[in-house]
């Protein structure tokens, strides 16, 4: 959990994708999240957290459904969204907070 804390306390925004391997919408979001990560490379970071393997992180942020996206900057939650979202929506949120 320490490295996760270090990542979300960075000066650049960090979009965290909380997901599960068994989640259909999460699987559908994977290529979109990958494209977003490539598009914003350098100005922000995207990481994926498997809630089944990282239950401590999921509990700490009250993840009740997947996918859940949280945008952090310097350890603060700037934005949170549960459920699917399109590429442009994700890019817009990240760019507003970069």
C-alpha atoms as a PDB file:
ATOM      1  CA  UNK A   1       0.000   0.000   0.000  1.00  0.00           C
ATOM      2  CA  UNK A   2       2.962   2.377   0.504  1.00  0.00           C
ATOM      3  CA  UNK A   3       3.786   2.588  -3.198  1.00  0.00           C
ATOM      4  CA  UNK A   4       0.102   3.283  -3.942  1.00  0.00           C
ATOM      5  CA  UNK A   5       0.157   6.125  -1.405  1.00  0.00           C
ATOM      6  CA  UNK A   6       3.329   7.498  -2.968  1.00  0.00           C
ATOM      7  CA  UNK A   7       1.730   7.427  -6.428  1.00  0.00           C
ATOM      8  CA  UNK A   8      -1.443   9.254  -5.439  1.00  0.00           C
ATOM      9  CA  UNK A   9       0.520  11.938  -3.568  1.00  0.00           C
ATOM     10  CA  UNK A  10       2.380  12.937  -6.743  1.00  0.00           C
ATOM     11  CA  UNK A  11       2.191  16.463  -8.152  1.00  0.00           C
ATOM     12  CA  UNK A  12       0.713  15.140 -11.399  1.00  0.00           C
ATOM     13  CA  UNK A  13      -2.845  13.780 -11.430  1.00  0.00           C
ATOM     14  CA  UNK A  14      -3.248  10.020 -11.051  1.00  0.00           C
ATOM     15  CA  UNK A  15      -6.363   8.310 -12.389  1.00  0.00           C
ATOM     16  CA  UNK A  16      -6.990   5.090 -10.497  1.00  0.00           C
ATOM     17  CA  UNK A  17      -9.179   2.467 -12.144  1.00  0.00           C
ATOM     18  CA  UNK A  18     -10.541   0.141  -9.451  1.00  0.00           C
ATOM     19  CA  UNK A  19     -11.625  -3.014 -11.262  1.00  0.00           C
ATOM     20  CA  UNK A  20     -12.183  -6.776 -10.923  1.00  0.00           C
ATOM     21  CA  UNK A  21     -11.295  -9.576 -13.330  1.00  0.00           C
ATOM     22  CA  UNK A  22     -14.859 -10.959 -13.184  1.00  0.00           C
ATOM     23  CA  UNK A  23     -16.456  -7.583 -14.045  1.00  0.00           C
ATOM     24  CA  UNK A  24     -17.854  -7.293 -17.589  1.00  0.00           C
ATOM     25  CA  UNK A  25     -17.989  -3.466 -17.659  1.00  0.00           C
ATOM     26  CA  UNK A  26     -14.404  -3.395 -16.342  1.00  0.00           C
ATOM     27  CA  UNK A  27     -13.290  -5.553 -19.259  1.00  0.00           C
ATOM     28  CA  UNK A  28     -15.125  -3.244 -21.658  1.00  0.00           C
ATOM     29  CA  UNK A  29     -13.341  -0.233 -20.124  1.00  0.00           C
ATOM     30  CA  UNK A  30      -9.833  -1.735 -20.458  1.00  0.00           C
ATOM     31  CA  UNK A  31      -9.122  -0.558 -24.042  1.00  0.00           C
ATOM     32  CA  UNK A  32     -10.584   2.880 -23.258  1.00  0.00           C
ATOM     33  CA  UNK A  33      -8.416   3.242 -20.152  1.00  0.00           C
ATOM     34  CA  UNK A  34      -5.376   2.115 -22.165  1.00  0.00           C
ATOM     35  CA  UNK A  35      -6.075   4.758 -24.848  1.00  0.00           C
ATOM     36  CA  UNK A  36      -6.520   7.456 -22.197  1.00  0.00           C
ATOM     37  CA  UNK A  37      -3.200   6.486 -20.596  1.00  0.00           C
ATOM     38  CA  UNK A  38      -1.414   6.759 -23.951  1.00  0.00           C
ATOM     39  CA  UNK A  39      -3.075  10.098 -24.748  1.00  0.00           C
ATOM     40  CA  UNK A  40      -2.189  11.776 -21.444  1.00  0.00           C
ATOM     41  CA  UNK A  41       1.267  10.232 -21.065  1.00  0.00           C
ATOM     42  CA  UNK A  42       3.548  12.724 -19.338  1.00  0.00           C
ATOM     43  CA  UNK A  43       0.840  15.022 -17.966  1.00  0.00           C
ATOM     44  CA  UNK A  44      -0.884  12.453 -15.742  1.00  0.00           C
ATOM     45  CA  UNK A  45      -0.687   8.807 -14.791  1.00  0.00           C
ATOM     46  CA  UNK A  46      -3.206   5.973 -14.989  1.00  0.00           C
ATOM     47  CA  UNK A  47      -3.038   2.939 -12.722  1.00  0.00           C
ATOM     48  CA  UNK A  48      -5.334  -0.048 -12.355  1.00  0.00           C
ATOM     49  CA  UNK A  49      -6.105  -1.567  -8.944  1.00  0.00           C
ATOM     50  CA  UNK A  50      -7.665  -5.034  -8.772  1.00  0.00           C
ATOM     51  CA  UNK A  51     -10.071  -4.848  -5.821  1.00  0.00           C
ATOM     52  CA  UNK A  52      -9.860  -8.587  -5.171  1.00  0.00           C
ATOM     53  CA  UNK A  53      -6.067  -8.487  -4.852  1.00  0.00           C
ATOM     54  CA  UNK A  54      -5.934  -5.089  -3.109  1.00  0.00           C
ATOM     55  CA  UNK A  55      -8.830  -5.212  -0.690  1.00  0.00           C
ATOM     56  CA  UNK A  56      -7.127  -2.757   1.674  1.00  0.00           C
ATOM     57  CA  UNK A  57      -7.087  -0.019  -0.976  1.00  0.00           C
ATOM     58  CA  UNK A  58     -10.664  -0.813  -2.028  1.00  0.00           C
ATOM     59  CA  UNK A  59     -11.882  -0.554   1.572  1.00  0.00           C
ATOM     60  CA  UNK A  60      -9.877   2.606   2.251  1.00  0.00           C
ATOM     61  CA  UNK A  61     -11.678   4.395  -0.593  1.00  0.00           C
ATOM     62  CA  UNK A  62     -15.107   2.842  -0.082  1.00  0.00           C
ATOM     63  CA  UNK A  63     -15.234   1.042  -3.412  1.00  0.00           C
ATOM     64  CA  UNK A  64     -18.649  -0.609  -3.571  1.00  0.00           C
ATOM     65  CA  UNK A  65     -18.988  -1.184  -7.299  1.00  0.00           C
ATOM     66  CA  UNK A  66     -16.632  -1.630 -10.201  1.00  0.00           C
ATOM     67  CA  UNK A  67     -15.404  -0.049 -12.275  1.00  0.00           C
ATOM     68  CA  UNK A  68     -14.809   2.974 -10.060  1.00  0.00           C
ATOM     69  CA  UNK A  69     -12.501   5.743 -11.194  1.00  0.00           C
ATOM     70  CA  UNK A  70     -10.872   8.179  -8.776  1.00  0.00           C
ATOM     71  CA  UNK A  71      -8.633  11.052  -9.827  1.00  0.00           C
ATOM     72  CA  UNK A  72      -6.029  11.986  -7.224  1.00  0.00           C
ATOM     73  CA  UNK A  73      -3.570  14.862  -7.072  1.00  0.00           C
ATOM     74  CA  UNK A  74      -1.236  15.364  -4.130  1.00  0.00           C
ATOM     75  CA  UNK A  75      -3.232  12.770  -2.206  1.00  0.00           C
ATOM     76  CA  UNK A  76      -6.554  14.582  -2.603  1.00  0.00           C
ATOM     77  CA  UNK A  77      -9.553  13.151  -4.421  1.00  0.00           C
ATOM     78  CA  UNK A  78     -10.440  15.557  -7.210  1.00  0.00           C
ATOM     79  CA  UNK A  79     -13.099  13.453  -8.923  1.00  0.00           C
ATOM     80  CA  UNK A  80     -14.824  10.100  -8.505  1.00  0.00           C
ATOM     81  CA  UNK A  81     -17.069   8.119 -10.820  1.00  0.00           C
ATOM     82  CA  UNK A  82     -18.624   4.655 -10.487  1.00  0.00           C
ATOM     83  CA  UNK A  83     -19.539   2.841 -13.683  1.00  0.00           C
ATOM     84  CA  UNK A  84     -18.544   3.123 -17.289  1.00  0.00           C
ATOM     85  CA  UNK A  85     -17.478   6.408 -18.859  1.00  0.00           C
ATOM     86  CA  UNK A  86     -16.364   7.262 -22.384  1.00  0.00           C
ATOM     87  CA  UNK A  87     -12.839   8.196 -23.435  1.00  0.00           C
ATOM     88  CA  UNK A  88     -13.620  11.880 -23.976  1.00  0.00           C
ATOM     89  CA  UNK A  89     -15.209  12.139 -20.544  1.00  0.00           C
ATOM     90  CA  UNK A  90     -12.126  10.708 -18.863  1.00  0.00           C
ATOM     91  CA  UNK A  91      -9.767  12.892 -20.894  1.00  0.00           C
ATOM     92  CA  UNK A  92     -11.782  16.007 -20.092  1.00  0.00           C
ATOM     93  CA  UNK A  93     -11.691  15.376 -16.326  1.00  0.00           C
ATOM     94  CA  UNK A  94      -7.943  14.669 -16.365  1.00  0.00           C
ATOM     95  CA  UNK A  95      -7.135  17.714 -18.495  1.00  0.00           C
ATOM     96  CA  UNK A  96      -9.208  19.983 -16.245  1.00  0.00           C
ATOM     97  CA  UNK A  97      -7.091  18.886 -13.281  1.00  0.00           C
ATOM     98  CA  UNK A  98      -3.644  18.528 -14.878  1.00  0.00           C
END
